[in-house]
Amino acid sequence: MGTGSARAGVYDFSGKQLGFGTAPWKTTHERPAWAEQDPNEWWTCAVAAIRKAVAEAGIDPKDVVAMSMDGTSSTVVFTDANDDPTRPALLWMDVRSVVEAEDVGATGDAALGICGGGAVSAEWGLPKSMWVKKNQPEIFERTTTICDETDWLVHRLTGRWTMSESHASAKYFYDADRGGWPTSLYEAVDAADILAKFPKDVLPVGTVVGNLTDAAAEELGLHTGVLVAEGGVDAYMGAVGLGVSIPGRLALITGSSHVITGQVAEPISVKGVWGSFTNATVPGTYTIDGGQVSTGSLVEWFLRNLAGASRVEAMEGEESIYDILTRRAAEVPIGCDGLLSLDHFQGNRAPHYDARSRGMFWGLTLHHTEAHMFRAILEGVCYGTEEIFEAIRAAGTTVDEVIVSGGATNNKLWLQMHADVSNVPLILTDVKEGPALGSAMVAAAAAGWYESIPAASLAMTQVADVVKPNPEAHERYRFNYEAYKRSYQQMKGLMAEVTEHYTK
């Protein structure tokens, strides 16, 4: 369950993809920094994607043994006593709850240790739930269940309300090592009634929740014997799908956003990076997590709104607008002739945890073209990724093996930029949709085919390519990288003032 669509895959126990289906849905942005989706549309699209995947696989639906799922995290759902949504879901990128996030951070509760020395994110589930309680009290009163997207889908599949420990740990402050829910934190922000609306059963990733209900099986074209295994955060399941299920590797999951994640054997705290989260990916390990809110979505925004000349050319020729701009951006020199882009269009997730920050271009001259701006966006995203890697390195964790998946893998120019800016090789596996394969690995382990999620993860991945960095290019990027970091520091105060003015 991605930001913009349901994506379903059918896999055999070796990890081979037999069929795949997608079905897109809409996101509404009623106000700046808001982002909402309709859970009922999620279900319609999930049904369509699964049916497409099974049809493409050409298998007998009775041969499907087990299924699991992943979803965008901090995508909060509110349902009533009949399990119907009481309002649209607040998408992960919705950062309206800045004040509420600050209220949580002001408690100083020990549970805030997972924030990496920074502020509580306005993306997370507790601040969003607090916003609804404060600003839409009548909706809050009608709400009996508050959960995340994966939890909602598990309920639609099995009829059982559970909460994935992956989401609970990473986005709602749950910590099994410290007894579960930090009630002191919830009570400090008058959120005990929010906690009471969460599903009571918090289950580790891979736990068998149950079987498909009769109704779900009929809609999906499957059978009620299918086991449904507890899922998790999309990026974390994506890491599993890339073989990043044991300590020593990092995953770069690309799409509408970028997420950098990996497992560590013991709990650590990294300034500028979230975590470590207990059992958030694989039971018995700890997950670190850093990410950028606007990456692929920023590219899409530019293509939709500012690339007029290239759009005309695409309409008149056979190349897509994306391919035209990528080709032209490759001809623009490193550094874009002094043009820089800050990728904070929906705020900054890591390493600054600043929901008030905003995107910008600077250094524009009459010499610059659409291709310069497009390349500046790609470079800016790469600089943001490197800033997170820098924070991870500062904590003593090496960044020498990064396995990448998602939309950016289709753009060789962008991949080479990432490798060159960070001076690290990027490893690609033979399956580009890491989250879907990761969920299948979880299902394979739940079905008993493998003894554990890591065993399934390591057995079902194959390296397809390696993008090596160019040391000379790395040196040429360094000047603009440093300017990128300083531009946020120079502008953050003014950006906060303007953001406050327009979000009152």
Protein backbone atom coordinates (compact mmCIF):
# COMPACT_ATOMS: atom_id res chain seq x y z
CA MET A 1 0.00 0.00 0.00
CA GLY A 2 2.12 2.88 -1.31
CA THR A 3 1.55 6.61 -1.31
CA GLY A 4 -0.23 6.62 -4.63
CA SER A 5 -1.40 3.09 -5.31
CA ALA A 6 -1.97 -0.48 -4.21
CA ARG A 7 0.71 -2.81 -5.57
CA ALA A 8 0.32 -6.56 -5.31
CA GLY A 9 2.74 -9.32 -6.27
CA VAL A 10 2.50 -13.09 -6.52
CA TYR A 11 5.79 -14.88 -5.74
CA ASP A 12 6.99 -18.44 -5.51
CA PHE A 13 9.10 -19.62 -2.58
CA SER A 14 12.36 -18.82 -4.39
CA GLY A 15 11.37 -15.15 -4.63
CA LYS A 16 10.52 -15.22 -8.32
CA GLN A 17 7.79 -12.75 -9.22
CA LEU A 18 5.02 -14.52 -11.14
CA GLY A 19 2.53 -11.69 -11.48
CA PHE A 20 2.08 -8.07 -10.48
CA GLY A 21 -0.81 -5.63 -10.36
CA THR A 22 -1.25 -1.96 -9.51
CA ALA A 23 -4.24 0.29 -8.97
CA PRO A 24 -3.83 4.03 -8.24
CA TRP A 25 -5.87 6.16 -5.85
CA LYS A 26 -6.20 9.88 -5.19
CA THR A 27 -4.65 12.12 -2.55
CA THR A 28 -6.34 15.40 -1.66
CA HIS A 29 -4.43 18.46 -0.40
CA GLU A 30 -7.17 20.71 0.96
CA ARG A 31 -4.68 23.08 2.59
CA PRO A 32 -0.88 23.50 2.59
CA ALA A 33 0.84 20.65 4.44
CA TRP A 34 -2.39 18.59 4.47
CA ALA A 35 -2.73 15.23 2.69
CA GLU A 36 -5.72 12.88 2.95
CA GLN A 37 -6.95 9.65 1.35
CA ASP A 38 -10.14 7.59 1.37
CA PRO A 39 -9.72 4.16 3.05
CA ASN A 40 -12.62 2.75 1.04
CA GLU A 41 -10.74 3.61 -2.13
CA TRP A 42 -7.72 1.76 -0.72
CA TRP A 43 -9.81 -1.39 -0.50
CA THR A 44 -11.21 -1.06 -4.00
CA CYS A 45 -7.68 -0.62 -5.34
CA ALA A 46 -6.24 -3.46 -3.24
CA VAL A 47 -8.88 -5.82 -4.64
CA ALA A 48 -8.12 -4.69 -8.19
CA ALA A 49 -4.33 -5.00 -7.75
CA ILE A 50 -4.53 -8.48 -6.20
CA ARG A 51 -6.86 -9.76 -8.89
CA LYS A 52 -4.54 -8.37 -11.59
CA ALA A 53 -1.50 -9.98 -9.99
CA VAL A 54 -3.13 -13.40 -9.69
CA ALA A 55 -4.43 -13.22 -13.26
CA GLU A 56 -1.01 -12.24 -14.62
CA ALA A 57 0.64 -15.05 -12.64
CA GLY A 58 -1.64 -17.54 -14.39
CA ILE A 59 -1.97 -19.65 -11.26
CA ASP A 60 -4.90 -21.39 -9.66
CA PRO A 61 -6.01 -19.05 -6.82
CA LYS A 62 -6.28 -22.15 -4.64
CA ASP A 63 -2.48 -22.40 -4.78
CA VAL A 64 -2.02 -19.15 -2.82
CA VAL A 65 -0.76 -20.22 0.61
CA ALA A 66 -0.26 -17.02 2.57
CA MET A 67 -0.23 -13.27 2.25
CA SER A 68 1.15 -10.29 4.14
CA MET A 69 1.15 -6.57 3.52
CA ASP A 70 2.89 -3.29 4.12
CA GLY A 71 1.53 0.23 4.23
CA THR A 72 2.68 3.81 4.42
CA SER A 73 3.23 4.52 8.10
CA SER A 74 1.74 7.31 10.18
CA THR A 75 -1.19 7.11 7.79
CA VAL A 76 -3.86 7.29 10.46
CA VAL A 77 -7.35 5.82 10.11
CA PHE A 78 -10.38 6.65 12.28
CA THR A 79 -13.38 4.27 12.27
CA ASP A 80 -16.70 4.07 14.10
CA ALA A 81 -18.51 1.22 15.84
CA ASN A 82 -19.48 -0.21 12.43
CA ASP A 83 -15.82 -0.09 11.29
CA ASP A 84 -16.63 2.66 8.77
CA PRO A 85 -14.21 5.61 8.45
CA THR A 86 -15.34 8.69 10.37
CA ARG A 87 -13.11 10.95 8.25
CA PRO A 88 -10.50 10.62 5.49
CA ALA A 89 -7.22 9.06 6.59
CA LEU A 90 -4.38 11.44 7.41
CA LEU A 91 -1.59 10.44 5.02
CA TRP A 92 1.96 10.08 6.31
CA MET A 93 3.07 13.30 4.58
CA ASP A 94 0.34 15.34 6.30
CA VAL A 95 2.17 17.62 8.76
CA ARG A 96 -0.66 19.80 10.06
CA SER A 97 -0.03 18.64 13.64
CA VAL A 98 3.15 20.66 14.25
CA VAL A 99 1.88 22.17 17.51
CA GLU A 100 0.74 18.79 18.80
CA ALA A 101 4.13 17.26 17.95
CA GLU A 102 5.79 20.04 19.92
CA ASP A 103 3.48 19.34 22.86
CA VAL A 104 4.55 15.69 22.83
CA GLY A 105 8.21 16.68 22.65
CA ALA A 106 7.82 19.13 25.53
CA THR A 107 6.95 16.29 27.94
CA GLY A 108 10.57 15.15 28.05
CA ASP A 109 9.30 11.60 28.55
CA ALA A 110 11.86 8.80 28.36
CA ALA A 111 9.98 7.35 25.38
CA LEU A 112 11.27 10.29 23.29
CA GLY A 113 14.70 8.67 23.15
CA ILE A 114 13.74 7.22 19.76
CA CYS A 115 13.64 10.73 18.25
CA GLY A 116 17.38 10.81 17.62
CA GLY A 117 17.95 13.93 19.66
CA GLY A 118 15.49 15.92 17.59
CA ALA A 119 11.89 17.00 17.72
CA VAL A 120 8.88 14.70 17.57
CA SER A 121 7.73 14.47 13.96
CA ALA A 122 4.41 15.99 12.95
CA GLU A 123 4.07 12.97 10.63
CA TRP A 124 3.66 10.52 13.50
CA GLY A 125 0.40 8.97 14.62
CA LEU A 126 0.06 10.42 18.11
CA PRO A 127 0.28 14.12 17.09
CA LYS A 128 -2.15 13.51 14.23
CA SER A 129 -4.63 11.81 16.56
CA MET A 130 -4.27 14.71 19.00
CA TRP A 131 -5.03 17.17 16.19
CA VAL A 132 -8.27 15.38 15.33
CA LYS A 133 -9.28 15.24 19.00
CA LYS A 134 -8.68 18.99 19.42
CA ASN A 135 -9.98 20.30 16.11
CA GLN A 136 -12.71 17.77 15.23
CA PRO A 137 -14.09 16.67 18.62
CA GLU A 138 -17.37 15.40 17.20
CA ILE A 139 -15.47 13.07 14.85
CA PHE A 140 -13.20 11.95 17.67
CA GLU A 141 -16.19 11.09 19.85
CA ARG A 142 -17.72 8.95 17.07
CA THR A 143 -14.41 7.17 16.54
CA THR A 144 -14.02 3.84 18.31
CA THR A 145 -10.80 2.65 16.62
CA ILE A 146 -7.66 4.59 15.67
CA CYS A 147 -5.08 2.61 13.73
CA ASP A 148 -2.56 2.76 10.91
CA GLU A 149 -3.11 1.81 7.27
CA THR A 150 -1.71 -1.73 7.57
CA ASP A 151 -3.88 -2.38 10.64
CA TRP A 152 -6.96 -1.25 8.75
CA LEU A 153 -6.14 -3.59 5.86
CA VAL A 154 -5.53 -6.55 8.20
CA HIS A 155 -8.99 -5.98 9.64
CA ARG A 156 -10.57 -5.88 6.17
CA LEU A 157 -8.85 -9.17 5.36
CA THR A 158 -9.43 -11.09 8.59
CA GLY A 159 -12.12 -9.26 10.56
CA ARG A 160 -9.69 -8.94 13.48
CA TRP A 161 -8.42 -5.65 14.90
CA THR A 162 -4.69 -5.77 15.61
CA MET A 163 -1.86 -3.26 15.56
CA SER A 164 1.41 -4.14 13.90
CA GLU A 165 4.36 -3.79 16.27
CA SER A 166 6.20 -2.34 13.28
CA HIS A 167 3.93 0.71 13.21
CA ALA A 168 3.39 0.86 16.98
CA SER A 169 7.12 0.86 17.67
CA ALA A 170 8.22 3.20 14.89
CA LYS A 171 5.41 5.76 14.91
CA TYR A 172 3.48 5.54 18.20
CA PHE A 173 6.24 5.12 20.87
CA TYR A 174 5.48 1.48 21.73
CA ASP A 175 8.55 -0.39 23.08
CA ALA A 176 8.32 -4.05 24.05
CA ASP A 177 11.68 -3.79 25.86
CA ARG A 178 10.16 -1.19 28.19
CA GLY A 179 6.84 -2.84 28.83
CA GLY A 180 4.87 -1.74 25.77
CA TRP A 181 2.90 1.50 25.69
CA PRO A 182 4.46 4.52 27.46
CA THR A 183 1.33 5.46 29.40
CA SER A 184 3.16 8.31 31.13
CA LEU A 185 3.74 10.00 27.77
CA TYR A 186 0.13 9.59 26.65
CA GLU A 187 -1.20 10.85 29.98
CA ALA A 188 1.13 13.86 29.90
CA VAL A 189 -0.51 15.11 26.70
CA ASP A 190 -4.07 14.16 27.73
CA ALA A 191 -4.09 11.31 25.20
CA ALA A 192 -5.07 8.37 27.39
CA ASP A 193 -8.39 8.31 25.52
CA ILE A 194 -6.47 8.09 22.23
CA LEU A 195 -4.47 5.14 23.52
CA ALA A 196 -7.73 3.46 24.55
CA LYS A 197 -8.91 3.55 20.92
CA PHE A 198 -5.86 1.69 19.54
CA PRO A 199 -6.35 -2.03 18.77
CA LYS A 200 -5.58 -4.01 21.91
CA ASP A 201 -3.50 -6.75 20.27
CA VAL A 202 -0.04 -5.51 19.24
CA LEU A 203 1.51 -8.27 17.12
CA PRO A 204 5.07 -8.75 15.83
CA VAL A 205 5.64 -8.75 12.07
CA GLY A 206 4.99 -12.22 10.66
CA THR A 207 2.52 -13.36 13.31
CA VAL A 208 -0.36 -15.29 11.76
CA VAL A 209 -3.41 -13.10 12.42
CA GLY A 210 -5.92 -15.51 10.92
CA ASN A 211 -7.41 -16.52 7.59
CA LEU A 212 -9.27 -14.53 4.97
CA THR A 213 -12.91 -13.98 5.83
CA ASP A 214 -15.54 -15.34 3.47
CA ALA A 215 -16.32 -11.82 2.24
CA ALA A 216 -12.68 -10.85 1.68
CA ALA A 217 -11.88 -14.12 -0.09
CA GLU A 218 -14.82 -13.66 -2.45
CA GLU A 219 -13.88 -10.08 -3.33
CA LEU A 220 -10.23 -10.94 -3.84
CA GLY A 221 -10.93 -14.08 -5.86
CA LEU A 222 -8.97 -16.18 -3.35
CA HIS A 223 -9.96 -18.81 -0.76
CA THR A 224 -10.49 -18.74 2.98
CA GLY A 225 -7.54 -21.05 3.61
CA VAL A 226 -5.07 -18.22 2.87
CA LEU A 227 -3.06 -17.33 5.98
CA VAL A 228 -2.78 -13.61 6.70
CA ALA A 229 0.48 -12.66 8.41
CA GLU A 230 0.92 -9.40 10.32
CA GLY A 231 2.56 -6.79 8.13
CA GLY A 232 4.52 -3.63 8.76
CA VAL A 233 5.86 -0.29 7.62
CA ASP A 234 6.28 -0.20 3.84
CA ALA A 235 9.92 0.88 3.91
CA TYR A 236 10.82 -1.73 6.51
CA MET A 237 9.22 -4.50 4.52
CA GLY A 238 11.04 -3.03 1.54
CA ALA A 239 14.30 -3.52 3.42
CA VAL A 240 13.39 -7.16 4.03
CA GLY A 241 12.71 -7.47 0.29
CA LEU A 242 16.22 -6.22 -0.41
CA GLY A 243 17.90 -8.64 1.95
CA VAL A 244 18.42 -5.95 4.60
CA SER A 245 17.05 -8.05 7.43
CA ILE A 246 20.25 -8.49 9.45
CA PRO A 247 22.73 -5.95 10.87
CA GLY A 248 25.47 -4.64 8.56
CA ARG A 249 23.46 -3.36 5.59
CA LEU A 250 21.44 -0.26 4.77
CA ALA A 251 18.45 -0.02 2.45
CA LEU A 252 17.51 3.01 0.37
CA ILE A 253 13.83 2.76 -0.51
CA THR A 254 12.83 5.27 -3.18
CA GLY A 255 9.41 6.35 -4.33
CA SER A 256 7.33 9.40 -3.50
CA SER A 257 9.75 9.72 -0.59
CA HIS A 258 13.16 8.29 0.27
CA VAL A 259 13.67 6.10 3.33
CA ILE A 260 17.02 4.89 4.63
CA THR A 261 16.76 2.04 7.09
CA GLY A 262 18.71 -0.85 8.54
CA GLN A 263 18.90 -3.24 11.48
CA VAL A 264 21.21 -3.14 14.48
CA ALA A 265 21.73 -5.89 17.02
CA GLU A 266 21.57 -3.63 20.08
CA PRO A 267 19.55 -0.45 20.69
CA ILE A 268 21.40 2.74 19.73
CA SER A 269 20.54 6.43 19.45
CA VAL A 270 21.71 8.33 16.37
CA LYS A 271 21.39 12.10 16.39
CA GLY A 272 19.50 13.11 13.28
CA VAL A 273 18.07 9.64 12.64
CA TRP A 274 15.02 8.00 14.19
CA GLY A 275 15.31 4.87 16.29
CA SER A 276 16.31 2.47 17.24
CA PHE A 277 12.84 0.91 17.17
CA THR A 278 12.34 -2.40 18.95
CA ASN A 279 11.08 -5.24 16.70
CA ALA A 280 9.97 -2.77 14.02
CA THR A 281 11.22 -4.90 11.13
CA VAL A 282 12.39 -8.29 12.37
CA PRO A 283 11.53 -9.55 15.85
CA GLY A 284 14.65 -9.46 18.03
CA THR A 285 16.41 -6.61 16.19
CA TYR A 286 16.33 -2.81 16.31
CA THR A 287 15.61 -0.54 13.35
CA ILE A 288 17.15 2.85 12.53
CA ASP A 289 15.28 5.08 10.12
CA GLY A 290 15.99 8.33 8.30
CA GLY A 291 14.14 9.70 5.34
CA GLN A 292 13.16 12.53 3.05
CA VAL A 293 9.53 13.51 2.65
CA SER A 294 9.63 14.86 -0.92
CA THR A 295 11.68 13.02 -3.54
CA GLY A 296 9.75 11.25 -6.29
CA SER A 297 6.75 13.42 -5.43
CA LEU A 298 8.93 16.48 -6.04
CA VAL A 299 9.89 15.20 -9.49
CA GLU A 300 6.23 14.56 -10.26
CA TRP A 301 5.32 18.08 -9.06
CA PHE A 302 7.92 19.62 -11.36
CA LEU A 303 6.77 17.62 -14.38
CA ARG A 304 3.15 18.55 -13.72
CA ASN A 305 3.60 22.25 -13.03
CA LEU A 306 6.81 23.74 -14.42
CA ALA A 307 8.10 21.73 -17.39
CA GLY A 308 6.02 23.40 -20.09
CA ALA A 309 8.52 23.35 -22.94
CA SER A 310 9.38 19.70 -22.41
CA ARG A 311 5.69 18.83 -22.16
CA VAL A 312 5.06 20.37 -25.56
CA GLU A 313 7.99 18.44 -27.02
CA ALA A 314 6.66 15.21 -25.51
CA MET A 315 3.22 15.82 -27.04
CA GLU A 316 4.78 16.31 -30.46
CA GLY A 317 7.23 13.38 -30.29
CA GLU A 318 7.56 9.84 -28.96
CA GLU A 319 9.66 10.50 -25.84
CA SER A 320 8.00 11.02 -22.46
CA ILE A 321 8.46 14.31 -20.67
CA TYR A 322 10.43 12.49 -17.97
CA ASP A 323 12.81 10.94 -20.50
CA ILE A 324 13.29 14.27 -22.27
CA LEU A 325 14.22 16.07 -19.08
CA THR A 326 16.46 13.24 -17.90
CA ARG A 327 18.35 13.29 -21.20
CA ARG A 328 18.77 17.05 -21.06
CA ALA A 329 19.71 17.03 -17.36
CA ALA A 330 22.54 14.63 -18.17
CA GLU A 331 24.01 17.35 -20.40
CA VAL A 332 23.94 19.93 -17.59
CA PRO A 333 27.23 20.07 -15.65
CA ILE A 334 27.51 18.88 -12.07
CA GLY A 335 26.36 21.69 -9.80
CA CYS A 336 23.83 23.01 -12.36
CA ASP A 337 25.86 26.16 -13.02
CA GLY A 338 25.24 27.38 -9.48
CA LEU A 339 21.57 26.43 -9.15
CA LEU A 340 20.54 24.59 -5.96
CA SER A 341 17.29 23.05 -4.81
CA LEU A 342 16.22 22.35 -1.22
CA ASP A 343 13.94 19.30 -1.17
CA HIS A 344 11.87 20.28 1.91
CA PHE A 345 8.61 20.86 0.01
CA GLN A 346 6.60 19.05 2.72
CA GLY A 347 9.03 19.78 5.53
CA ASN A 348 12.12 17.85 6.58
CA ARG A 349 11.96 14.43 8.20
CA ALA A 350 15.65 13.80 8.84
CA PRO A 351 18.09 14.94 9.98
CA HIS A 352 16.40 18.22 11.05
CA TYR A 353 12.90 17.06 12.02
CA ASP A 354 11.52 20.39 10.85
CA ALA A 355 7.92 20.33 9.63
CA ARG A 356 8.03 24.12 9.08
CA SER A 357 10.87 23.99 6.59
CA ARG A 358 9.93 24.43 2.93
CA GLY A 359 11.47 23.79 -0.46
CA MET A 360 13.25 26.36 -2.57
CA PHE A 361 15.39 26.98 -5.61
CA TRP A 362 18.17 29.52 -5.37
CA GLY A 363 20.94 30.70 -7.62
CA LEU A 364 18.57 31.12 -10.59
CA THR A 365 19.79 33.24 -13.51
CA LEU A 366 18.49 33.90 -17.00
CA HIS A 367 20.97 31.29 -18.18
CA HIS A 368 19.14 28.45 -16.42
CA THR A 369 16.68 26.17 -18.20
CA GLU A 370 14.09 23.55 -17.32
CA ALA A 371 16.87 20.97 -17.55
CA HIS A 372 18.93 22.88 -14.98
CA MET A 373 15.96 23.00 -12.60
CA PHE A 374 15.21 19.33 -13.12
CA ARG A 375 18.81 18.34 -12.46
CA ALA A 376 18.90 20.64 -9.43
CA ILE A 377 15.93 18.71 -8.00
CA LEU A 378 17.69 15.37 -8.53
CA GLU A 379 20.92 16.69 -7.03
CA GLY A 380 19.07 18.24 -4.08
CA VAL A 381 17.46 14.92 -3.24
CA CYS A 382 20.88 13.24 -3.38
CA TYR A 383 22.31 15.88 -1.04
CA GLY A 384 19.46 15.24 1.39
CA THR A 385 20.21 11.51 1.31
CA GLU A 386 23.91 12.13 1.94
CA GLU A 387 23.08 14.37 4.91
CA ILE A 388 21.29 11.40 6.51
CA PHE A 389 24.20 9.08 5.71
CA GLU A 390 26.48 11.66 7.33
CA ALA A 391 24.42 11.51 10.54
CA ILE A 392 24.59 7.70 10.55
CA ARG A 393 28.36 7.75 10.03
CA ALA A 394 28.76 10.24 12.89
CA ALA A 395 27.22 7.64 15.23
CA GLY A 396 29.87 5.09 14.26
CA THR A 397 27.74 3.05 11.85
CA THR A 398 29.43 2.43 8.52
CA VAL A 399 27.73 3.23 5.23
CA ASP A 400 29.58 1.05 2.75
CA GLU A 401 26.83 -1.17 1.34
CA VAL A 402 23.53 0.41 0.29
CA ILE A 403 20.87 -1.69 -1.40
CA VAL A 404 18.33 0.36 -3.33
CA SER A 405 14.84 -0.21 -4.72
CA GLY A 406 11.84 1.73 -5.97
CA GLY A 407 11.12 4.29 -8.66
CA ALA A 408 14.57 5.91 -8.75
CA THR A 409 16.10 2.63 -9.91
CA ASN A 410 14.55 3.32 -13.32
CA ASN A 411 16.68 6.45 -13.75
CA LYS A 412 20.36 5.62 -14.33
CA LEU A 413 21.34 9.29 -14.13
CA TRP A 414 19.74 9.69 -10.71
CA LEU A 415 21.28 6.46 -9.38
CA GLN A 416 24.74 7.55 -10.52
CA MET A 417 24.21 10.91 -8.81
CA HIS A 418 23.35 9.17 -5.55
CA ALA A 419 26.45 6.95 -5.80
CA ASP A 420 28.71 9.90 -6.66
CA VAL A 421 27.37 12.34 -4.06
CA SER A 422 27.68 9.78 -1.25
CA ASN A 423 30.75 8.00 -2.68
CA VAL A 424 29.20 4.62 -1.99
CA PRO A 425 28.25 1.75 -4.33
CA LEU A 426 24.53 1.13 -4.82
CA ILE A 427 23.42 -2.49 -5.10
CA LEU A 428 20.29 -3.36 -7.07
CA THR A 429 18.45 -6.62 -6.69
CA ASP A 430 16.48 -8.39 -9.39
CA VAL A 431 13.12 -7.18 -8.01
CA LYS A 432 12.45 -3.45 -8.10
CA GLU A 433 9.36 -3.51 -5.87
CA GLY A 434 11.14 -4.34 -2.63
CA PRO A 435 8.17 -3.77 -0.29
CA ALA A 436 5.92 -6.21 -2.14
CA LEU A 437 8.62 -8.90 -2.18
CA GLY A 438 9.39 -8.19 1.48
CA SER A 439 5.76 -8.77 2.38
CA ALA A 440 5.87 -12.04 0.40
CA MET A 441 8.97 -13.07 2.38
CA VAL A 442 7.09 -12.42 5.60
CA ALA A 443 4.22 -14.55 4.28
CA ALA A 444 6.64 -17.34 3.27
CA ALA A 445 8.08 -17.43 6.80
CA ALA A 446 4.59 -17.38 8.34
CA ALA A 447 3.62 -20.32 6.13
CA GLY A 448 6.56 -22.28 7.56
CA TRP A 449 8.56 -22.45 4.35
CA TYR A 450 11.48 -20.70 6.05
CA GLU A 451 12.39 -20.78 9.73
CA SER A 452 12.49 -16.98 10.08
CA ILE A 453 12.02 -13.71 8.20
CA PRO A 454 15.80 -13.21 7.78
CA ALA A 455 16.12 -16.74 6.37
CA ALA A 456 13.41 -15.98 3.81
CA SER A 457 14.90 -12.56 3.06
CA LEU A 458 18.39 -13.85 2.36
CA ALA A 459 17.18 -16.83 0.32
CA MET A 460 14.74 -14.90 -1.87
CA THR A 461 16.97 -12.00 -3.05
CA GLN A 462 19.46 -11.90 -5.91
CA VAL A 463 21.89 -9.08 -6.84
CA ALA A 464 21.23 -7.76 -10.34
CA ASP A 465 23.60 -4.78 -10.68
CA VAL A 466 26.03 -2.51 -8.84
CA VAL A 467 26.34 1.25 -9.51
CA LYS A 468 29.88 2.29 -8.56
CA PRO A 469 30.73 5.87 -7.52
CA ASN A 470 33.00 8.12 -9.57
CA PRO A 471 35.56 9.66 -7.17
CA GLU A 472 36.15 12.67 -9.45
CA ALA A 473 32.43 13.41 -9.64
CA HIS A 474 32.20 13.04 -5.86
CA GLU A 475 34.77 15.80 -5.41
CA ARG A 476 32.90 18.08 -7.83
CA TYR A 477 29.65 17.63 -5.89
CA ARG A 478 31.19 18.54 -2.53
CA PHE A 479 30.95 22.34 -2.96
CA ASN A 480 27.23 22.33 -3.73
CA TYR A 481 26.59 19.75 -1.02
CA GLU A 482 28.06 22.05 1.59
CA ALA A 483 26.05 24.98 0.15
CA TYR A 484 22.91 22.83 0.31
CA LYS A 485 23.41 22.20 4.03
CA ARG A 486 24.11 25.86 4.76
CA SER A 487 21.06 27.05 2.81
CA TYR A 488 18.72 25.34 5.29
CA GLN A 489 20.57 26.84 8.25
CA GLN A 490 20.41 30.32 6.69
CA MET A 491 16.72 30.16 5.82
CA LYS A 492 15.09 28.04 8.54
CA GLY A 493 14.04 30.97 10.71
CA LEU A 494 12.38 32.88 7.91
CA MET A 495 10.77 29.73 6.52
CA ALA A 496 9.28 28.97 9.94
CA GLU A 497 7.79 32.49 10.14
CA VAL A 498 6.22 32.26 6.70
CA THR A 499 4.93 28.72 7.28
CA GLU A 500 3.34 29.80 10.56
CA HIS A 501 1.67 32.74 8.83
CA TYR A 502 0.03 30.55 6.19
CA THR A 503 -0.97 27.62 8.38
CA LYS A 504 -2.80 29.52 11.13
